[in-house]
């Protein structure tokens, strides 16, 4: 089951399926109010009782934000399945999206090798940043200036966003717009042609040809997915179902290798 975008996802440790169409805490994908939390002892909190938390989007790999959590915030995150943090300015526990609705459903929780940083892997609803940008890391350094940069997520997810905008806006002079205007049969024909070209390229000895033809095929598959209204996220989910691994709790310090 273990599905990120479907109706159910197994808890990564217990394997218990939990429906995603309910707002109750016990049915959030990562929620488990009873599972032991001895791994909390592996976290090295600073003198203020805090640890930095990096937040990553599960489907694209994009880094969304950096926040801080105390022990209570991490406990509540684990128990409820929704990301909680500690506000250093307000000095209080807060749940991401409590007022905006831009909640973060937990899909994985990891510690770094020294235990002094935590990674939340989440399914983000809406924007993660208070500026309404999807990621807080939307400013890019170019020469001596800061500019609004493109998404730093997986290249296929970035291309999907471009393809989606072309399907909606249909700008003149765009090959992608031409495909959507031509209809599904034209898109299917191109997918078939590109598949054949990949096979032919694989028979040759020039890796650059295979690389280029594979890129062409992936692009046309993204166009086909958009035409059929199938988000690429659901393909990631299918791959996760087939090949994904359940996250592992960090080993106690005495069981770790001393190699650096």
C-alpha atoms as a PDB file:
ATOM      1  CA  UNK A   1       0.000   0.000   0.000  1.00  0.00           C
ATOM      2  CA  UNK A   2       2.501   2.670   1.213  1.00  0.00           C
ATOM      3  CA  UNK A   3       0.938   5.247  -1.129  1.00  0.00           C
ATOM      4  CA  UNK A   4       1.779   8.921  -0.802  1.00  0.00           C
ATOM      5  CA  UNK A   5      -0.887  10.356  -3.052  1.00  0.00           C
ATOM      6  CA  UNK A   6      -3.666   7.765  -2.824  1.00  0.00           C
ATOM      7  CA  UNK A   7      -6.370   7.107  -0.259  1.00  0.00           C
ATOM      8  CA  UNK A   8      -4.152   5.114   2.080  1.00  0.00           C
ATOM      9  CA  UNK A   9      -0.603   5.003   3.298  1.00  0.00           C
ATOM     10  CA  UNK A  10       0.920   2.515   5.695  1.00  0.00           C
ATOM     11  CA  UNK A  11       2.610   3.848   8.777  1.00  0.00           C
ATOM     12  CA  UNK A  12       6.340   3.500   7.965  1.00  0.00           C
ATOM     13  CA  UNK A  13       7.073   1.417  11.058  1.00  0.00           C
ATOM     14  CA  UNK A  14       3.913  -0.455  11.968  1.00  0.00           C
ATOM     15  CA  UNK A  15       2.608  -1.040   8.431  1.00  0.00           C
ATOM     16  CA  UNK A  16      -0.922  -0.169   9.553  1.00  0.00           C
ATOM     17  CA  UNK A  17      -2.991   1.403   6.726  1.00  0.00           C
ATOM     18  CA  UNK A  18      -4.490   4.802   7.466  1.00  0.00           C
ATOM     19  CA  UNK A  19      -7.071   6.597   5.267  1.00  0.00           C
ATOM     20  CA  UNK A  20      -6.121  10.066   4.027  1.00  0.00           C
ATOM     21  CA  UNK A  21      -9.617  11.460   3.562  1.00  0.00           C
ATOM     22  CA  UNK A  22     -10.222  12.250   7.220  1.00  0.00           C
ATOM     23  CA  UNK A  23      -9.048  15.234   9.267  1.00  0.00           C
ATOM     24  CA  UNK A  24      -8.776  13.275  12.499  1.00  0.00           C
ATOM     25  CA  UNK A  25      -5.258  13.009  13.869  1.00  0.00           C
ATOM     26  CA  UNK A  26      -5.350   9.228  14.140  1.00  0.00           C
ATOM     27  CA  UNK A  27      -5.918   8.954  10.369  1.00  0.00           C
ATOM     28  CA  UNK A  28      -3.144  11.238   9.125  1.00  0.00           C
ATOM     29  CA  UNK A  29      -0.621   9.133   7.145  1.00  0.00           C
ATOM     30  CA  UNK A  30       2.269   9.262   9.601  1.00  0.00           C
ATOM     31  CA  UNK A  31       0.229   9.410  12.809  1.00  0.00           C
ATOM     32  CA  UNK A  32       0.850   6.809  15.471  1.00  0.00           C
ATOM     33  CA  UNK A  33      -0.164   7.765  18.996  1.00  0.00           C
ATOM     34  CA  UNK A  34       1.222   4.638  20.659  1.00  0.00           C
ATOM     35  CA  UNK A  35       4.487   3.664  18.945  1.00  0.00           C
ATOM     36  CA  UNK A  36       7.618   3.941  21.180  1.00  0.00           C
ATOM     37  CA  UNK A  37       9.881   6.959  20.704  1.00  0.00           C
ATOM     38  CA  UNK A  38      13.175   5.827  22.241  1.00  0.00           C
ATOM     39  CA  UNK A  39      14.965   7.255  19.186  1.00  0.00           C
ATOM     40  CA  UNK A  40      14.292  10.753  20.591  1.00  0.00           C
ATOM     41  CA  UNK A  41      17.280  10.200  22.852  1.00  0.00           C
ATOM     42  CA  UNK A  42      19.474  10.271  19.733  1.00  0.00           C
ATOM     43  CA  UNK A  43      18.633  13.929  19.046  1.00  0.00           C
ATOM     44  CA  UNK A  44      21.199  16.451  20.255  1.00  0.00           C
ATOM     45  CA  UNK A  45      19.174  19.504  21.280  1.00  0.00           C
ATOM     46  CA  UNK A  46      21.072  22.765  21.772  1.00  0.00           C
ATOM     47  CA  UNK A  47      21.323  24.706  25.036  1.00  0.00           C
ATOM     48  CA  UNK A  48      17.881  26.202  24.352  1.00  0.00           C
ATOM     49  CA  UNK A  49      16.389  22.740  23.881  1.00  0.00           C
ATOM     50  CA  UNK A  50      16.002  23.196  20.125  1.00  0.00           C
ATOM     51  CA  UNK A  51      17.139  21.369  17.004  1.00  0.00           C
ATOM     52  CA  UNK A  52      17.022  22.699  13.404  1.00  0.00           C
ATOM     53  CA  UNK A  53      14.490  20.979  11.137  1.00  0.00           C
ATOM     54  CA  UNK A  54      14.941  20.860   7.365  1.00  0.00           C
ATOM     55  CA  UNK A  55      11.662  20.313   5.536  1.00  0.00           C
ATOM     56  CA  UNK A  56      11.664  18.524   2.171  1.00  0.00           C
ATOM     57  CA  UNK A  57       8.782  17.852  -0.198  1.00  0.00           C
ATOM     58  CA  UNK A  58       8.410  14.134  -0.768  1.00  0.00           C
ATOM     59  CA  UNK A  59       7.342  14.181  -4.405  1.00  0.00           C
ATOM     60  CA  UNK A  60       9.884  16.653  -5.822  1.00  0.00           C
ATOM     61  CA  UNK A  61      12.751  16.548  -3.330  1.00  0.00           C
ATOM     62  CA  UNK A  62      12.579  20.341  -3.048  1.00  0.00           C
ATOM     63  CA  UNK A  63      13.718  21.895   0.243  1.00  0.00           C
ATOM     64  CA  UNK A  64      10.757  23.894   1.522  1.00  0.00           C
ATOM     65  CA  UNK A  65      11.886  25.559   4.725  1.00  0.00           C
ATOM     66  CA  UNK A  66      14.092  25.548   7.802  1.00  0.00           C
ATOM     67  CA  UNK A  67      12.519  25.754  11.235  1.00  0.00           C
ATOM     68  CA  UNK A  68      13.254  24.707  14.804  1.00  0.00           C
ATOM     69  CA  UNK A  69      11.654  22.143  17.066  1.00  0.00           C
ATOM     70  CA  UNK A  70      11.946  21.207  20.694  1.00  0.00           C
ATOM     71  CA  UNK A  71      11.323  17.744  22.067  1.00  0.00           C
ATOM     72  CA  UNK A  72       7.603  18.370  22.483  1.00  0.00           C
ATOM     73  CA  UNK A  73       7.232  19.539  18.868  1.00  0.00           C
ATOM     74  CA  UNK A  74       8.889  16.398  17.542  1.00  0.00           C
ATOM     75  CA  UNK A  75       6.822  14.188  19.838  1.00  0.00           C
ATOM     76  CA  UNK A  76       3.592  15.837  18.685  1.00  0.00           C
ATOM     77  CA  UNK A  77       4.703  15.598  15.050  1.00  0.00           C
ATOM     78  CA  UNK A  78       5.297  11.874  15.445  1.00  0.00           C
ATOM     79  CA  UNK A  79       2.063  11.266  17.336  1.00  0.00           C
ATOM     80  CA  UNK A  80      -0.234  13.292  15.053  1.00  0.00           C
ATOM     81  CA  UNK A  81       1.426  12.934  11.651  1.00  0.00           C
ATOM     82  CA  UNK A  82       1.440  16.674  11.023  1.00  0.00           C
ATOM     83  CA  UNK A  83       4.507  18.917  11.215  1.00  0.00           C
ATOM     84  CA  UNK A  84       4.885  20.894  14.443  1.00  0.00           C
ATOM     85  CA  UNK A  85       7.621  23.343  15.375  1.00  0.00           C
ATOM     86  CA  UNK A  86       8.699  25.656  18.179  1.00  0.00           C
ATOM     87  CA  UNK A  87       8.349  29.382  17.529  1.00  0.00           C
ATOM     88  CA  UNK A  88      11.409  31.180  18.888  1.00  0.00           C
ATOM     89  CA  UNK A  89       9.711  34.586  18.579  1.00  0.00           C
ATOM     90  CA  UNK A  90       6.382  33.639  20.180  1.00  0.00           C
ATOM     91  CA  UNK A  91       7.872  31.013  22.484  1.00  0.00           C
ATOM     92  CA  UNK A  92       5.141  28.523  21.747  1.00  0.00           C
ATOM     93  CA  UNK A  93       4.422  25.279  19.946  1.00  0.00           C
ATOM     94  CA  UNK A  94       2.847  25.713  16.516  1.00  0.00           C
ATOM     95  CA  UNK A  95       1.399  23.436  13.867  1.00  0.00           C
ATOM     96  CA  UNK A  96       2.280  24.320  10.290  1.00  0.00           C
ATOM     97  CA  UNK A  97      -0.854  25.482   8.490  1.00  0.00           C
ATOM     98  CA  UNK A  98      -2.956  25.940  11.640  1.00  0.00           C
ATOM     99  CA  UNK A  99      -4.167  29.338  10.373  1.00  0.00           C
ATOM    100  CA  UNK A 100      -3.297  29.259   6.657  1.00  0.00           C
ATOM    101  CA  UNK A 101      -4.422  25.718   5.939  1.00  0.00           C
ATOM    102  CA  UNK A 102      -1.032  24.993   4.335  1.00  0.00           C
ATOM    103  CA  UNK A 103      -0.439  21.916   6.444  1.00  0.00           C
ATOM    104  CA  UNK A 104       2.434  19.479   6.134  1.00  0.00           C
ATOM    105  CA  UNK A 105       1.536  15.800   6.348  1.00  0.00           C
ATOM    106  CA  UNK A 106       4.527  13.779   7.529  1.00  0.00           C
ATOM    107  CA  UNK A 107       5.709  10.945   5.316  1.00  0.00           C
ATOM    108  CA  UNK A 108       9.152  10.353   6.797  1.00  0.00           C
ATOM    109  CA  UNK A 109      11.264  11.618   9.680  1.00  0.00           C
ATOM    110  CA  UNK A 110      15.049  11.304   9.727  1.00  0.00           C
ATOM    111  CA  UNK A 111      18.046  12.401  11.781  1.00  0.00           C
ATOM    112  CA  UNK A 112      21.424  13.382  10.420  1.00  0.00           C
ATOM    113  CA  UNK A 113      24.541  11.381  11.286  1.00  0.00           C
ATOM    114  CA  UNK A 114      25.313  13.416  14.426  1.00  0.00           C
ATOM    115  CA  UNK A 115      21.731  13.777  15.619  1.00  0.00           C
ATOM    116  CA  UNK A 116      21.960  17.576  15.631  1.00  0.00           C
ATOM    117  CA  UNK A 117      19.540  18.155  12.741  1.00  0.00           C
ATOM    118  CA  UNK A 118      16.182  16.633  11.788  1.00  0.00           C
ATOM    119  CA  UNK A 119      14.611  16.096   8.368  1.00  0.00           C
ATOM    120  CA  UNK A 120      10.838  16.178   7.875  1.00  0.00           C
ATOM    121  CA  UNK A 121       9.774  14.690   4.523  1.00  0.00           C
ATOM    122  CA  UNK A 122       6.272  16.001   3.932  1.00  0.00           C
ATOM    123  CA  UNK A 123       3.353  16.329   1.594  1.00  0.00           C
ATOM    124  CA  UNK A 124       2.872  20.098   1.436  1.00  0.00           C
ATOM    125  CA  UNK A 125      -0.587  21.615   1.023  1.00  0.00           C
ATOM    126  CA  UNK A 126      -0.340  25.028  -0.633  1.00  0.00           C
ATOM    127  CA  UNK A 127       2.661  27.270  -0.078  1.00  0.00           C
ATOM    128  CA  UNK A 128       5.270  26.556   2.568  1.00  0.00           C
ATOM    129  CA  UNK A 129       6.514  30.159   2.729  1.00  0.00           C
ATOM    130  CA  UNK A 130       4.687  33.049   4.401  1.00  0.00           C
ATOM    131  CA  UNK A 131       5.340  35.059   1.208  1.00  0.00           C
ATOM    132  CA  UNK A 132       3.065  32.540  -0.571  1.00  0.00           C
ATOM    133  CA  UNK A 133       6.009  31.184  -2.558  1.00  0.00           C
ATOM    134  CA  UNK A 134       6.005  27.393  -2.578  1.00  0.00           C
ATOM    135  CA  UNK A 135       9.436  27.211  -0.943  1.00  0.00           C
ATOM    136  CA  UNK A 136      11.104  29.604   1.479  1.00  0.00           C
ATOM    137  CA  UNK A 137      14.262  29.119  -0.611  1.00  0.00           C
ATOM    138  CA  UNK A 138      12.860  30.914  -3.651  1.00  0.00           C
ATOM    139  CA  UNK A 139      15.568  33.610  -3.827  1.00  0.00           C
ATOM    140  CA  UNK A 140      18.500  32.729  -6.052  1.00  0.00           C
ATOM    141  CA  UNK A 141      21.940  34.353  -6.124  1.00  0.00           C
ATOM    142  CA  UNK A 142      22.842  35.615  -9.605  1.00  0.00           C
ATOM    143  CA  UNK A 143      26.119  37.499  -9.825  1.00  0.00           C
ATOM    144  CA  UNK A 144      25.760  40.135  -7.087  1.00  0.00           C
ATOM    145  CA  UNK A 145      21.965  40.098  -6.873  1.00  0.00           C
ATOM    146  CA  UNK A 146      19.115  38.088  -5.428  1.00  0.00           C
ATOM    147  CA  UNK A 147      16.403  37.132  -7.908  1.00  0.00           C
ATOM    148  CA  UNK A 148      13.298  34.956  -7.723  1.00  0.00           C
ATOM    149  CA  UNK A 149      14.535  31.635  -9.045  1.00  0.00           C
ATOM    150  CA  UNK A 150      12.701  28.635 -10.473  1.00  0.00           C
ATOM    151  CA  UNK A 151      11.741  25.673  -8.342  1.00  0.00           C
ATOM    152  CA  UNK A 152      14.717  23.711  -7.055  1.00  0.00           C
ATOM    153  CA  UNK A 153      12.764  20.455  -7.176  1.00  0.00           C
ATOM    154  CA  UNK A 154      13.306  17.449  -9.435  1.00  0.00           C
ATOM    155  CA  UNK A 155      13.736  18.374 -13.104  1.00  0.00           C
ATOM    156  CA  UNK A 156      10.771  16.248 -14.196  1.00  0.00           C
ATOM    157  CA  UNK A 157       8.533  18.013 -11.684  1.00  0.00           C
ATOM    158  CA  UNK A 158       9.745  21.378 -12.963  1.00  0.00           C
ATOM    159  CA  UNK A 159       9.046  20.362 -16.555  1.00  0.00           C
ATOM    160  CA  UNK A 160       5.603  19.149 -15.474  1.00  0.00           C
ATOM    161  CA  UNK A 161       4.840  22.650 -14.182  1.00  0.00           C
ATOM    162  CA  UNK A 162       5.850  24.160 -17.533  1.00  0.00           C
ATOM    163  CA  UNK A 163       3.792  21.613 -19.461  1.00  0.00           C
ATOM    164  CA  UNK A 164       0.783  22.312 -17.248  1.00  0.00           C
ATOM    165  CA  UNK A 165       1.048  26.061 -17.882  1.00  0.00           C
ATOM    166  CA  UNK A 166       1.308  25.462 -21.637  1.00  0.00           C
ATOM    167  CA  UNK A 167      -1.818  23.288 -21.535  1.00  0.00           C
ATOM    168  CA  UNK A 168      -3.697  26.063 -19.742  1.00  0.00           C
ATOM    169  CA  UNK A 169      -2.413  29.130 -21.572  1.00  0.00           C
ATOM    170  CA  UNK A 170      -1.680  27.619 -25.037  1.00  0.00           C
ATOM    171  CA  UNK A 171       0.785  30.356 -26.059  1.00  0.00           C
ATOM    172  CA  UNK A 172       1.469  30.781 -29.763  1.00  0.00           C
ATOM    173  CA  UNK A 173       4.762  29.433 -31.068  1.00  0.00           C
ATOM    174  CA  UNK A 174       5.057  26.772 -28.362  1.00  0.00           C
ATOM    175  CA  UNK A 175       5.602  23.176 -29.503  1.00  0.00           C
ATOM    176  CA  UNK A 176       3.912  21.957 -26.320  1.00  0.00           C
ATOM    177  CA  UNK A 177       0.871  24.118 -27.084  1.00  0.00           C
ATOM    178  CA  UNK A 178       0.840  22.680 -30.610  1.00  0.00           C
ATOM    179  CA  UNK A 179       0.651  19.158 -29.201  1.00  0.00           C
ATOM    180  CA  UNK A 180      -2.263  20.020 -26.925  1.00  0.00           C
ATOM    181  CA  UNK A 181      -4.094  21.782 -29.747  1.00  0.00           C
ATOM    182  CA  UNK A 182      -3.569  18.744 -31.980  1.00  0.00           C
ATOM    183  CA  UNK A 183      -5.228  16.426 -29.468  1.00  0.00           C
ATOM    184  CA  UNK A 184      -4.598  13.097 -27.796  1.00  0.00           C
ATOM    185  CA  UNK A 185      -4.006  11.064 -30.964  1.00  0.00           C
ATOM    186  CA  UNK A 186      -1.160  13.356 -32.012  1.00  0.00           C
ATOM    187  CA  UNK A 187       0.415  13.108 -28.542  1.00  0.00           C
ATOM    188  CA  UNK A 188       0.121   9.313 -28.578  1.00  0.00           C
ATOM    189  CA  UNK A 189       1.707   9.189 -32.021  1.00  0.00           C
ATOM    190  CA  UNK A 190       4.664  11.240 -30.773  1.00  0.00           C
ATOM    191  CA  UNK A 191       5.077   9.003 -27.722  1.00  0.00           C
ATOM    192  CA  UNK A 192       5.136   5.982 -30.015  1.00  0.00           C
ATOM    193  CA  UNK A 193       7.676   7.593 -32.353  1.00  0.00           C
ATOM    194  CA  UNK A 194       9.945   8.625 -29.478  1.00  0.00           C
ATOM    195  CA  UNK A 195       9.734   5.137 -27.943  1.00  0.00           C
ATOM    196  CA  UNK A 196      10.889   3.634 -31.239  1.00  0.00           C
ATOM    197  CA  UNK A 197      13.730   6.140 -31.474  1.00  0.00           C
ATOM    198  CA  UNK A 198      14.892   5.175 -27.990  1.00  0.00           C
ATOM    199  CA  UNK A 199      15.002   1.520 -29.057  1.00  0.00           C
ATOM    200  CA  UNK A 200      16.978   2.402 -32.192  1.00  0.00           C
ATOM    201  CA  UNK A 201      19.374   4.615 -30.228  1.00  0.00           C
ATOM    202  CA  UNK A 202      19.969   1.815 -27.737  1.00  0.00           C
ATOM    203  CA  UNK A 203      21.079  -0.447 -30.596  1.00  0.00           C
ATOM    204  CA  UNK A 204      23.721   2.073 -31.616  1.00  0.00           C
ATOM    205  CA  UNK A 205      26.954   2.708 -29.767  1.00  0.00           C
ATOM    206  CA  UNK A 206      26.604   6.462 -29.257  1.00  0.00           C
ATOM    207  CA  UNK A 207      25.437   7.137 -25.665  1.00  0.00           C
ATOM    208  CA  UNK A 208      24.686  10.779 -26.514  1.00  0.00           C
ATOM    209  CA  UNK A 209      22.010   9.633 -28.972  1.00  0.00           C
ATOM    210  CA  UNK A 210      20.378   7.399 -26.370  1.00  0.00           C
ATOM    211  CA  UNK A 211      20.553  10.218 -23.833  1.00  0.00           C
ATOM    212  CA  UNK A 212      18.877  12.687 -26.197  1.00  0.00           C
ATOM    213  CA  UNK A 213      16.159  10.283 -27.342  1.00  0.00           C
ATOM    214  CA  UNK A 214      15.384   9.273 -23.761  1.00  0.00           C
ATOM    215  CA  UNK A 215      14.981  12.944 -22.837  1.00  0.00           C
ATOM    216  CA  UNK A 216      12.592  13.387 -25.776  1.00  0.00           C
ATOM    217  CA  UNK A 217      10.536  10.392 -24.642  1.00  0.00           C
ATOM    218  CA  UNK A 218      10.326  11.593 -21.047  1.00  0.00           C
ATOM    219  CA  UNK A 219       9.155  15.017 -22.204  1.00  0.00           C
ATOM    220  CA  UNK A 220       6.419  13.569 -24.425  1.00  0.00           C
ATOM    221  CA  UNK A 221       5.328  11.235 -21.611  1.00  0.00           C
ATOM    222  CA  UNK A 222       4.875  14.297 -19.383  1.00  0.00           C
ATOM    223  CA  UNK A 223       2.727  15.865 -22.100  1.00  0.00           C
ATOM    224  CA  UNK A 224       0.671  12.667 -22.286  1.00  0.00           C
ATOM    225  CA  UNK A 225       0.215  12.567 -18.506  1.00  0.00           C
ATOM    226  CA  UNK A 226      -1.002  16.165 -18.578  1.00  0.00           C
ATOM    227  CA  UNK A 227      -3.391  15.412 -21.435  1.00  0.00           C
ATOM    228  CA  UNK A 228      -4.840  12.528 -19.411  1.00  0.00           C
ATOM    229  CA  UNK A 229      -4.887  14.609 -16.183  1.00  0.00           C
ATOM    230  CA  UNK A 230      -2.596  12.180 -14.397  1.00  0.00           C
ATOM    231  CA  UNK A 231      -0.138  14.017 -12.095  1.00  0.00           C
ATOM    232  CA  UNK A 232       3.430  12.779 -12.303  1.00  0.00           C
ATOM    233  CA  UNK A 233       3.213  12.485  -8.513  1.00  0.00           C
ATOM    234  CA  UNK A 234       1.045   9.424  -9.002  1.00  0.00           C
ATOM    235  CA  UNK A 235       3.797   7.831 -11.085  1.00  0.00           C
ATOM    236  CA  UNK A 236       6.234   8.527  -8.224  1.00  0.00           C
ATOM    237  CA  UNK A 237       3.714   6.888  -5.895  1.00  0.00           C
ATOM    238  CA  UNK A 238       3.554   3.804  -8.096  1.00  0.00           C
ATOM    239  CA  UNK A 239       7.353   3.569  -8.108  1.00  0.00           C
ATOM    240  CA  UNK A 240       7.388   4.062  -4.354  1.00  0.00           C
ATOM    241  CA  UNK A 241       4.915   1.203  -3.980  1.00  0.00           C
ATOM    242  CA  UNK A 242       7.118  -1.065  -6.060  1.00  0.00           C
ATOM    243  CA  UNK A 243      10.614  -0.098  -5.003  1.00  0.00           C
ATOM    244  CA  UNK A 244      10.400   2.202  -1.960  1.00  0.00           C
ATOM    245  CA  UNK A 245      11.921   1.273   1.386  1.00  0.00           C
ATOM    246  CA  UNK A 246      10.405   1.881   4.771  1.00  0.00           C
ATOM    247  CA  UNK A 247      12.390   4.487   6.739  1.00  0.00           C
ATOM    248  CA  UNK A 248      14.565   3.144   9.511  1.00  0.00           C
ATOM    249  CA  UNK A 249      14.892   4.588  12.993  1.00  0.00           C
ATOM    250  CA  UNK A 250      18.390   5.829  13.833  1.00  0.00           C
ATOM    251  CA  UNK A 251      20.650   3.306  15.493  1.00  0.00           C
ATOM    252  CA  UNK A 252      21.699   3.857  19.095  1.00  0.00           C
ATOM    253  CA  UNK A 253      25.103   5.507  19.287  1.00  0.00           C
ATOM    254  CA  UNK A 254      26.795   2.363  20.624  1.00  0.00           C
ATOM    255  CA  UNK A 255      25.706   0.436  17.512  1.00  0.00           C
ATOM    256  CA  UNK A 256      27.021   2.967  14.991  1.00  0.00           C
ATOM    257  CA  UNK A 257      30.203   2.534  13.019  1.00  0.00           C
ATOM    258  CA  UNK A 258      33.059   4.715  14.171  1.00  0.00           C
ATOM    259  CA  UNK A 259      34.069   5.375  10.567  1.00  0.00           C
ATOM    260  CA  UNK A 260      33.545   8.978   9.466  1.00  0.00           C
END
